[in-house]
Amino acid sequence: MLEKNQAAPDFSSPNQDDVMVNLSDYKGRKHVVLYFYPKDDTPGCTVEANQFTALAAEFAECDTVVIGVSRDSCASHQAFIDKYGLKLDLLADTGGELCEAYGVWQEKEKNGKKSMGIVRSTFLINKDGILEEALYGVTADGHAQAMLEKVRGS
């Protein structure tokens, strides 16, 4: 698992518009809140995405871009964005490379059944590409506000 103060793993992954987004695009220009979530249009993921969207202008005021990541397709992301009017990029990590690089693809247990999946996690990456925060197993509700407070404090 990743830890604070180490270099964030670089990435290049397509967003909902099938346009490649790279961490290097933001180096020296913006802080990045990179959040991983299990699946588009599920209850917790919808709460989290809507709360990040509600605070989008405040993140922008802090020179911060918010990017969500799941293993859903670009088309699934676009439908999710359209359904809820989301104001953020969602990266399609269909092959799981980004999830592996950030250590969020882990064994989970639900109703006594173990399976591999994305552990809801968030990383705050500063303009120099260094991890200011590496948070695993976060709770969806209220998380966007907590991240905004961390951005304001960094």
N, C-alpha and C. Protein backbone atom coordinates (compact mmCIF):
# COMPACT_ATOMS: atom_id res chain seq x y z
N MET A 1 0.84 -1.19 0.00
CA MET A 1 0.00 0.00 0.00
C MET A 1 0.88 1.24 0.00
N LEU A 2 0.37 2.27 -0.59
CA LEU A 2 1.11 3.52 -0.69
C LEU A 2 1.03 4.30 0.62
N GLU A 3 1.99 5.18 0.82
CA GLU A 3 2.04 5.98 2.04
C GLU A 3 2.30 7.44 1.70
N LYS A 4 1.98 8.30 2.67
CA LYS A 4 2.24 9.73 2.52
C LYS A 4 3.71 9.96 2.23
N ASN A 5 3.97 11.06 1.53
CA ASN A 5 5.31 11.55 1.24
C ASN A 5 6.09 10.74 0.21
N GLN A 6 5.45 9.77 -0.45
CA GLN A 6 6.15 9.09 -1.53
C GLN A 6 5.59 9.60 -2.86
N ALA A 7 6.35 9.37 -3.93
CA ALA A 7 5.88 9.80 -5.25
C ALA A 7 4.65 9.00 -5.63
N ALA A 8 3.66 9.70 -6.17
CA ALA A 8 2.44 9.03 -6.63
C ALA A 8 2.76 8.26 -7.91
N PRO A 9 2.27 7.02 -8.04
CA PRO A 9 2.49 6.29 -9.29
C PRO A 9 1.87 7.05 -10.46
N ASP A 10 2.64 7.18 -11.53
CA ASP A 10 2.12 7.86 -12.71
C ASP A 10 1.01 7.02 -13.32
N PHE A 11 0.13 7.64 -14.06
CA PHE A 11 -0.92 6.89 -14.73
C PHE A 11 -1.31 7.57 -16.03
N SER A 12 -1.89 6.78 -16.89
CA SER A 12 -2.46 7.24 -18.14
C SER A 12 -3.65 6.33 -18.40
N SER A 13 -4.84 6.90 -18.33
CA SER A 13 -6.05 6.09 -18.41
C SER A 13 -7.15 6.90 -19.10
N PRO A 14 -8.04 6.25 -19.86
CA PRO A 14 -9.09 7.00 -20.55
C PRO A 14 -10.21 7.43 -19.61
N ASN A 15 -10.74 8.64 -19.88
CA ASN A 15 -11.88 9.12 -19.10
C ASN A 15 -13.19 8.75 -19.80
N GLN A 16 -14.28 9.30 -19.32
CA GLN A 16 -15.61 8.99 -19.84
C GLN A 16 -15.75 9.32 -21.33
N ASP A 17 -14.93 10.25 -21.83
CA ASP A 17 -14.97 10.64 -23.24
C ASP A 17 -13.95 9.87 -24.07
N ASP A 18 -13.31 8.87 -23.46
CA ASP A 18 -12.26 8.07 -24.09
C ASP A 18 -11.05 8.93 -24.47
N VAL A 19 -10.80 9.97 -23.64
CA VAL A 19 -9.63 10.83 -23.78
C VAL A 19 -8.64 10.44 -22.70
N MET A 20 -7.38 10.26 -23.08
CA MET A 20 -6.38 9.84 -22.10
C MET A 20 -6.09 10.97 -21.09
N VAL A 21 -6.08 10.60 -19.82
CA VAL A 21 -5.76 11.52 -18.73
C VAL A 21 -4.50 10.98 -18.07
N ASN A 22 -3.52 11.86 -17.90
CA ASN A 22 -2.24 11.47 -17.31
C ASN A 22 -1.99 12.28 -16.06
N LEU A 23 -1.40 11.66 -15.07
CA LEU A 23 -1.04 12.41 -13.86
C LEU A 23 -0.10 13.55 -14.23
N SER A 24 0.79 13.31 -15.17
CA SER A 24 1.76 14.33 -15.57
C SER A 24 1.10 15.59 -16.16
N ASP A 25 -0.15 15.46 -16.62
CA ASP A 25 -0.89 16.63 -17.14
C ASP A 25 -1.03 17.71 -16.07
N TYR A 26 -1.02 17.31 -14.81
CA TYR A 26 -1.31 18.23 -13.71
C TYR A 26 -0.06 18.66 -12.94
N LYS A 27 1.08 18.01 -13.22
CA LYS A 27 2.30 18.31 -12.47
C LYS A 27 2.68 19.78 -12.62
N GLY A 28 2.93 20.40 -11.47
CA GLY A 28 3.31 21.81 -11.46
C GLY A 28 2.13 22.76 -11.63
N ARG A 29 0.92 22.22 -11.88
CA ARG A 29 -0.24 23.08 -12.14
C ARG A 29 -1.38 22.90 -11.15
N LYS A 30 -1.67 21.66 -10.78
CA LYS A 30 -2.83 21.41 -9.91
C LYS A 30 -2.54 20.27 -8.93
N HIS A 31 -3.23 20.35 -7.80
CA HIS A 31 -3.27 19.21 -6.88
C HIS A 31 -4.31 18.25 -7.46
N VAL A 32 -4.19 16.97 -7.16
CA VAL A 32 -5.12 15.97 -7.67
C VAL A 32 -5.69 15.18 -6.50
N VAL A 33 -7.02 15.11 -6.43
CA VAL A 33 -7.69 14.17 -5.53
C VAL A 33 -8.09 13.01 -6.43
N LEU A 34 -7.42 11.88 -6.25
CA LEU A 34 -7.68 10.68 -7.04
C LEU A 34 -8.42 9.70 -6.14
N TYR A 35 -9.69 9.47 -6.46
CA TYR A 35 -10.45 8.57 -5.60
C TYR A 35 -10.91 7.33 -6.38
N PHE A 36 -10.78 6.20 -5.72
CA PHE A 36 -11.16 4.92 -6.30
C PHE A 36 -12.46 4.46 -5.66
N TYR A 37 -13.37 3.97 -6.48
CA TYR A 37 -14.66 3.51 -5.98
C TYR A 37 -15.03 2.22 -6.69
N PRO A 38 -15.85 1.37 -6.05
CA PRO A 38 -16.14 0.04 -6.60
C PRO A 38 -16.90 0.00 -7.92
N LYS A 39 -18.01 0.76 -8.06
CA LYS A 39 -18.84 0.57 -9.25
C LYS A 39 -19.75 1.77 -9.49
N ASP A 40 -19.88 2.13 -10.79
CA ASP A 40 -20.78 3.22 -11.18
C ASP A 40 -22.22 2.93 -10.74
N ASP A 41 -22.93 3.99 -10.37
CA ASP A 41 -24.37 3.96 -10.12
C ASP A 41 -24.80 2.94 -9.06
N THR A 42 -23.97 2.78 -8.03
CA THR A 42 -24.35 1.99 -6.86
C THR A 42 -24.51 2.98 -5.71
N PRO A 43 -25.22 2.62 -4.66
CA PRO A 43 -25.58 3.62 -3.62
C PRO A 43 -24.41 4.42 -3.05
N GLY A 44 -23.40 3.76 -2.51
CA GLY A 44 -22.29 4.49 -1.89
C GLY A 44 -21.49 5.30 -2.90
N CYS A 45 -21.29 4.72 -4.06
CA CYS A 45 -20.51 5.40 -5.10
C CYS A 45 -21.24 6.62 -5.62
N THR A 46 -22.56 6.55 -5.68
CA THR A 46 -23.37 7.68 -6.13
C THR A 46 -23.31 8.81 -5.10
N VAL A 47 -23.42 8.47 -3.82
CA VAL A 47 -23.31 9.47 -2.75
C VAL A 47 -21.96 10.19 -2.85
N GLU A 48 -20.90 9.41 -2.97
CA GLU A 48 -19.55 9.99 -3.00
C GLU A 48 -19.38 10.90 -4.23
N ALA A 49 -19.78 10.43 -5.41
CA ALA A 49 -19.63 11.22 -6.64
C ALA A 49 -20.46 12.50 -6.57
N ASN A 50 -21.67 12.41 -6.06
CA ASN A 50 -22.52 13.61 -5.93
C ASN A 50 -21.93 14.61 -4.95
N GLN A 51 -21.34 14.12 -3.86
CA GLN A 51 -20.75 15.04 -2.88
C GLN A 51 -19.49 15.71 -3.44
N PHE A 52 -18.68 14.97 -4.20
CA PHE A 52 -17.52 15.60 -4.85
C PHE A 52 -17.99 16.64 -5.86
N THR A 53 -19.06 16.33 -6.61
CA THR A 53 -19.60 17.27 -7.59
C THR A 53 -20.11 18.53 -6.90
N ALA A 54 -20.80 18.38 -5.77
CA ALA A 54 -21.34 19.53 -5.04
C ALA A 54 -20.23 20.49 -4.59
N LEU A 55 -19.04 19.96 -4.39
CA LEU A 55 -17.92 20.77 -3.91
C LEU A 55 -16.91 21.10 -5.02
N ALA A 56 -17.27 20.80 -6.27
CA ALA A 56 -16.33 20.97 -7.39
C ALA A 56 -15.76 22.38 -7.47
N ALA A 57 -16.59 23.40 -7.30
CA ALA A 57 -16.12 24.78 -7.40
C ALA A 57 -15.13 25.10 -6.28
N GLU A 58 -15.39 24.56 -5.09
CA GLU A 58 -14.49 24.81 -3.96
C GLU A 58 -13.14 24.12 -4.16
N PHE A 59 -13.16 22.91 -4.72
CA PHE A 59 -11.89 22.24 -5.05
C PHE A 59 -11.14 23.07 -6.10
N ALA A 60 -11.86 23.55 -7.11
CA ALA A 60 -11.23 24.35 -8.18
C ALA A 60 -10.58 25.60 -7.62
N GLU A 61 -11.22 26.24 -6.63
CA GLU A 61 -10.65 27.43 -5.99
C GLU A 61 -9.32 27.12 -5.32
N CYS A 62 -9.11 25.87 -4.96
CA CYS A 62 -7.88 25.42 -4.30
C CYS A 62 -6.89 24.81 -5.29
N ASP A 63 -7.05 25.12 -6.59
CA ASP A 63 -6.18 24.55 -7.63
C ASP A 63 -6.15 23.03 -7.59
N THR A 64 -7.32 22.43 -7.39
CA THR A 64 -7.40 20.97 -7.24
C THR A 64 -8.42 20.39 -8.21
N VAL A 65 -8.01 19.32 -8.87
CA VAL A 65 -8.90 18.58 -9.75
C VAL A 65 -9.27 17.27 -9.04
N VAL A 66 -10.53 16.87 -9.17
CA VAL A 66 -11.00 15.62 -8.58
C VAL A 66 -11.23 14.61 -9.71
N ILE A 67 -10.63 13.44 -9.56
CA ILE A 67 -10.74 12.39 -10.57
C ILE A 67 -11.15 11.09 -9.89
N GLY A 68 -12.21 10.49 -10.39
CA GLY A 68 -12.66 9.19 -9.88
C GLY A 68 -12.15 8.07 -10.76
N VAL A 69 -11.96 6.89 -10.16
CA VAL A 69 -11.47 5.72 -10.90
C VAL A 69 -12.25 4.49 -10.47
N SER A 70 -12.71 3.73 -11.46
CA SER A 70 -13.24 2.38 -11.20
C SER A 70 -12.89 1.53 -12.41
N ARG A 71 -13.28 0.27 -12.37
CA ARG A 71 -12.97 -0.63 -13.49
C ARG A 71 -14.10 -0.64 -14.51
N ASP A 72 -15.08 0.25 -14.37
CA ASP A 72 -16.16 0.35 -15.34
C ASP A 72 -15.64 0.92 -16.66
N SER A 73 -16.40 0.72 -17.72
CA SER A 73 -16.03 1.20 -19.06
C SER A 73 -16.26 2.71 -19.19
N CYS A 74 -15.70 3.29 -20.26
CA CYS A 74 -15.93 4.71 -20.55
C CYS A 74 -17.42 4.98 -20.73
N ALA A 75 -18.12 4.08 -21.43
CA ALA A 75 -19.56 4.26 -21.67
C ALA A 75 -20.34 4.22 -20.36
N SER A 76 -19.98 3.33 -19.47
CA SER A 76 -20.64 3.25 -18.16
C SER A 76 -20.42 4.55 -17.39
N HIS A 77 -19.18 5.05 -17.42
CA HIS A 77 -18.88 6.32 -16.75
C HIS A 77 -19.72 7.46 -17.32
N GLN A 78 -19.84 7.51 -18.65
CA GLN A 78 -20.60 8.59 -19.27
C GLN A 78 -22.07 8.52 -18.86
N ALA A 79 -22.63 7.33 -18.80
CA ALA A 79 -24.02 7.16 -18.38
C ALA A 79 -24.20 7.60 -16.93
N PHE A 80 -23.23 7.27 -16.07
CA PHE A 80 -23.25 7.66 -14.65
C PHE A 80 -23.22 9.19 -14.53
N ILE A 81 -22.32 9.82 -15.29
CA ILE A 81 -22.19 11.28 -15.28
C ILE A 81 -23.49 11.93 -15.76
N ASP A 82 -24.04 11.41 -16.86
CA ASP A 82 -25.27 11.97 -17.42
C ASP A 82 -26.44 11.83 -16.47
N LYS A 83 -26.55 10.69 -15.82
CA LYS A 83 -27.68 10.42 -14.93
C LYS A 83 -27.72 11.39 -13.75
N TYR A 84 -26.55 11.72 -13.20
CA TYR A 84 -26.49 12.54 -11.98
C TYR A 84 -25.92 13.94 -12.20
N GLY A 85 -25.55 14.29 -13.43
CA GLY A 85 -24.97 15.62 -13.68
C GLY A 85 -23.64 15.80 -12.97
N LEU A 86 -22.82 14.75 -12.95
CA LEU A 86 -21.53 14.82 -12.26
C LEU A 86 -20.57 15.76 -12.97
N LYS A 87 -19.76 16.45 -12.17
CA LYS A 87 -18.81 17.41 -12.71
C LYS A 87 -17.39 16.98 -12.36
N LEU A 88 -17.00 15.82 -12.86
CA LEU A 88 -15.65 15.33 -12.63
C LEU A 88 -15.32 14.29 -13.68
N ASP A 89 -14.02 14.08 -13.89
CA ASP A 89 -13.59 13.02 -14.80
C ASP A 89 -13.64 11.69 -14.07
N LEU A 90 -14.06 10.66 -14.78
CA LEU A 90 -14.04 9.30 -14.26
C LEU A 90 -13.17 8.47 -15.19
N LEU A 91 -12.14 7.87 -14.64
CA LEU A 91 -11.21 7.07 -15.44
C LEU A 91 -11.65 5.62 -15.49
N ALA A 92 -11.54 5.04 -16.69
CA ALA A 92 -11.92 3.65 -16.92
C ALA A 92 -10.67 2.78 -16.84
N ASP A 93 -10.48 2.17 -15.67
CA ASP A 93 -9.33 1.29 -15.44
C ASP A 93 -9.78 -0.15 -15.68
N THR A 94 -10.24 -0.44 -16.91
CA THR A 94 -10.85 -1.74 -17.19
C THR A 94 -9.87 -2.90 -17.01
N GLY A 95 -8.59 -2.66 -17.23
CA GLY A 95 -7.60 -3.72 -17.05
C GLY A 95 -7.07 -3.84 -15.63
N GLY A 96 -7.37 -2.85 -14.79
CA GLY A 96 -6.97 -2.89 -13.39
C GLY A 96 -5.56 -2.44 -13.07
N GLU A 97 -4.83 -1.95 -14.06
CA GLU A 97 -3.44 -1.55 -13.81
C GLU A 97 -3.33 -0.41 -12.81
N LEU A 98 -4.22 0.58 -12.92
CA LEU A 98 -4.21 1.73 -12.02
C LEU A 98 -4.57 1.29 -10.60
N CYS A 99 -5.56 0.42 -10.50
CA CYS A 99 -5.96 -0.12 -9.18
C CYS A 99 -4.80 -0.86 -8.52
N GLU A 100 -4.07 -1.64 -9.30
CA GLU A 100 -2.91 -2.38 -8.78
C GLU A 100 -1.81 -1.41 -8.34
N ALA A 101 -1.53 -0.39 -9.17
CA ALA A 101 -0.45 0.56 -8.87
C ALA A 101 -0.70 1.30 -7.56
N TYR A 102 -1.97 1.56 -7.26
CA TYR A 102 -2.32 2.30 -6.04
C TYR A 102 -2.71 1.38 -4.89
N GLY A 103 -2.68 0.07 -5.10
CA GLY A 103 -2.91 -0.89 -4.03
C GLY A 103 -4.34 -0.97 -3.55
N VAL A 104 -5.30 -0.63 -4.41
CA VAL A 104 -6.71 -0.64 -3.97
C VAL A 104 -7.45 -1.92 -4.38
N TRP A 105 -6.84 -2.76 -5.21
CA TRP A 105 -7.46 -4.03 -5.63
C TRP A 105 -7.10 -5.05 -4.56
N GLN A 106 -8.07 -5.35 -3.71
CA GLN A 106 -7.80 -6.18 -2.54
C GLN A 106 -8.91 -7.20 -2.34
N GLU A 107 -8.61 -8.19 -1.51
CA GLU A 107 -9.64 -9.16 -1.15
C GLU A 107 -10.61 -8.51 -0.18
N LYS A 108 -11.89 -8.65 -0.47
CA LYS A 108 -12.93 -8.10 0.39
C LYS A 108 -13.86 -9.23 0.79
N GLU A 109 -14.56 -9.03 1.90
CA GLU A 109 -15.52 -10.04 2.35
C GLU A 109 -16.87 -9.37 2.53
N LYS A 110 -17.90 -9.99 1.94
CA LYS A 110 -19.26 -9.50 2.07
C LYS A 110 -20.17 -10.70 2.26
N ASN A 111 -20.95 -10.66 3.33
CA ASN A 111 -21.87 -11.76 3.65
C ASN A 111 -21.14 -13.11 3.70
N GLY A 112 -19.93 -13.08 4.23
CA GLY A 112 -19.16 -14.31 4.41
C GLY A 112 -18.47 -14.81 3.15
N LYS A 113 -18.64 -14.10 2.04
CA LYS A 113 -18.04 -14.51 0.78
C LYS A 113 -16.87 -13.59 0.44
N LYS A 114 -15.71 -14.20 0.15
CA LYS A 114 -14.52 -13.41 -0.18
C LYS A 114 -14.40 -13.27 -1.70
N SER A 115 -14.03 -12.07 -2.12
CA SER A 115 -13.79 -11.82 -3.54
C SER A 115 -12.85 -10.63 -3.67
N MET A 116 -12.27 -10.49 -4.85
CA MET A 116 -11.39 -9.35 -5.11
C MET A 116 -12.24 -8.17 -5.57
N GLY A 117 -11.83 -6.98 -5.16
CA GLY A 117 -12.57 -5.78 -5.56
C GLY A 117 -11.82 -4.53 -5.17
N ILE A 118 -12.37 -3.41 -5.58
CA ILE A 118 -11.77 -2.11 -5.25
C ILE A 118 -12.17 -1.72 -3.83
N VAL A 119 -11.18 -1.44 -3.01
CA VAL A 119 -11.41 -0.89 -1.68
C VAL A 119 -11.50 0.63 -1.86
N ARG A 120 -12.61 1.21 -1.42
CA ARG A 120 -12.81 2.66 -1.58
C ARG A 120 -11.64 3.39 -0.93
N SER A 121 -10.89 4.13 -1.75
CA SER A 121 -9.65 4.76 -1.30
C SER A 121 -9.46 6.10 -2.00
N THR A 122 -8.72 6.99 -1.35
CA THR A 122 -8.49 8.32 -1.92
C THR A 122 -7.05 8.74 -1.68
N PHE A 123 -6.50 9.41 -2.70
CA PHE A 123 -5.12 9.88 -2.65
C PHE A 123 -5.11 11.36 -2.99
N LEU A 124 -4.44 12.14 -2.15
CA LEU A 124 -4.24 13.56 -2.41
C LEU A 124 -2.81 13.71 -2.90
N ILE A 125 -2.68 14.15 -4.15
CA ILE A 125 -1.38 14.27 -4.80
C ILE A 125 -1.10 15.76 -5.00
N ASN A 126 0.03 16.22 -4.49
CA ASN A 126 0.33 17.65 -4.62
C ASN A 126 0.87 17.98 -6.02
N LYS A 127 1.11 19.24 -6.26
CA LYS A 127 1.55 19.70 -7.59
C LYS A 127 2.90 19.13 -7.99
N ASP A 128 3.66 18.64 -7.02
CA ASP A 128 4.96 18.03 -7.31
C ASP A 128 4.85 16.53 -7.56
N GLY A 129 3.63 15.99 -7.48
CA GLY A 129 3.45 14.56 -7.71
C GLY A 129 3.71 13.70 -6.49
N ILE A 130 3.70 14.31 -5.32
CA ILE A 130 3.94 13.59 -4.06
C ILE A 130 2.61 13.36 -3.33
N LEU A 131 2.48 12.18 -2.74
CA LEU A 131 1.26 11.86 -1.99
C LEU A 131 1.22 12.63 -0.68
N GLU A 132 0.21 13.48 -0.52
CA GLU A 132 -0.02 14.18 0.74
C GLU A 132 -0.88 13.31 1.66
N GLU A 133 -1.73 12.49 1.05
CA GLU A 133 -2.59 11.56 1.80
C GLU A 133 -2.74 10.28 0.99
N ALA A 134 -2.81 9.16 1.69
CA ALA A 134 -3.10 7.86 1.08
C ALA A 134 -4.06 7.16 2.04
N LEU A 135 -5.35 7.24 1.71
CA LEU A 135 -6.40 6.77 2.62
C LEU A 135 -7.11 5.56 2.03
N TYR A 136 -7.04 4.44 2.72
CA TYR A 136 -7.69 3.20 2.27
C TYR A 136 -8.91 2.91 3.15
N GLY A 137 -9.95 2.34 2.53
CA GLY A 137 -11.13 1.93 3.29
C GLY A 137 -11.95 3.10 3.81
N VAL A 138 -12.09 4.14 3.00
CA VAL A 138 -12.84 5.33 3.44
C VAL A 138 -14.34 5.09 3.34
N THR A 139 -15.10 5.90 4.06
CA THR A 139 -16.56 5.87 4.02
C THR A 139 -17.02 6.91 3.00
N ALA A 140 -17.97 6.53 2.16
CA ALA A 140 -18.42 7.42 1.08
C ALA A 140 -19.02 8.72 1.59
N ASP A 141 -19.98 8.62 2.50
CA ASP A 141 -20.72 9.80 2.95
C ASP A 141 -19.82 10.72 3.78
N GLY A 142 -19.71 11.96 3.35
CA GLY A 142 -18.91 12.95 4.07
C GLY A 142 -17.45 12.99 3.65
N HIS A 143 -17.05 12.05 2.81
CA HIS A 143 -15.64 11.96 2.44
C HIS A 143 -15.17 13.15 1.60
N ALA A 144 -16.01 13.62 0.69
CA ALA A 144 -15.62 14.75 -0.16
C ALA A 144 -15.32 15.98 0.69
N GLN A 145 -16.16 16.25 1.68
CA GLN A 145 -15.93 17.40 2.57
C GLN A 145 -14.63 17.23 3.35
N ALA A 146 -14.38 16.03 3.83
CA ALA A 146 -13.14 15.76 4.57
C ALA A 146 -11.92 15.98 3.68
N MET A 147 -12.01 15.59 2.41
CA MET A 147 -10.90 15.79 1.49
C MET A 147 -10.70 17.28 1.18
N LEU A 148 -11.79 18.02 1.06
CA LEU A 148 -11.68 19.45 0.82
C LEU A 148 -10.95 20.12 1.98
N GLU A 149 -11.25 19.71 3.20
CA GLU A 149 -10.56 20.27 4.36
C GLU A 149 -9.07 19.94 4.33
N LYS A 150 -8.73 18.72 3.87
CA LYS A 150 -7.31 18.35 3.77
C LYS A 150 -6.62 19.19 2.69
N VAL A 151 -7.31 19.41 1.56
CA VAL A 151 -6.74 20.22 0.48
C VAL A 151 -6.48 21.65 1.00
N ARG A 152 -7.43 22.18 1.71
CA ARG A 152 -7.27 23.54 2.24
C ARG A 152 -6.13 23.63 3.24
N GLY A 153 -5.84 22.54 3.92
CA GLY A 153 -4.77 22.53 4.92
C GLY A 153 -3.40 22.26 4.34
N SER A 154 -3.35 21.84 3.07
CA SER A 154 -2.02 21.48 2.50
C SER A 154 -1.34 22.65 1.83
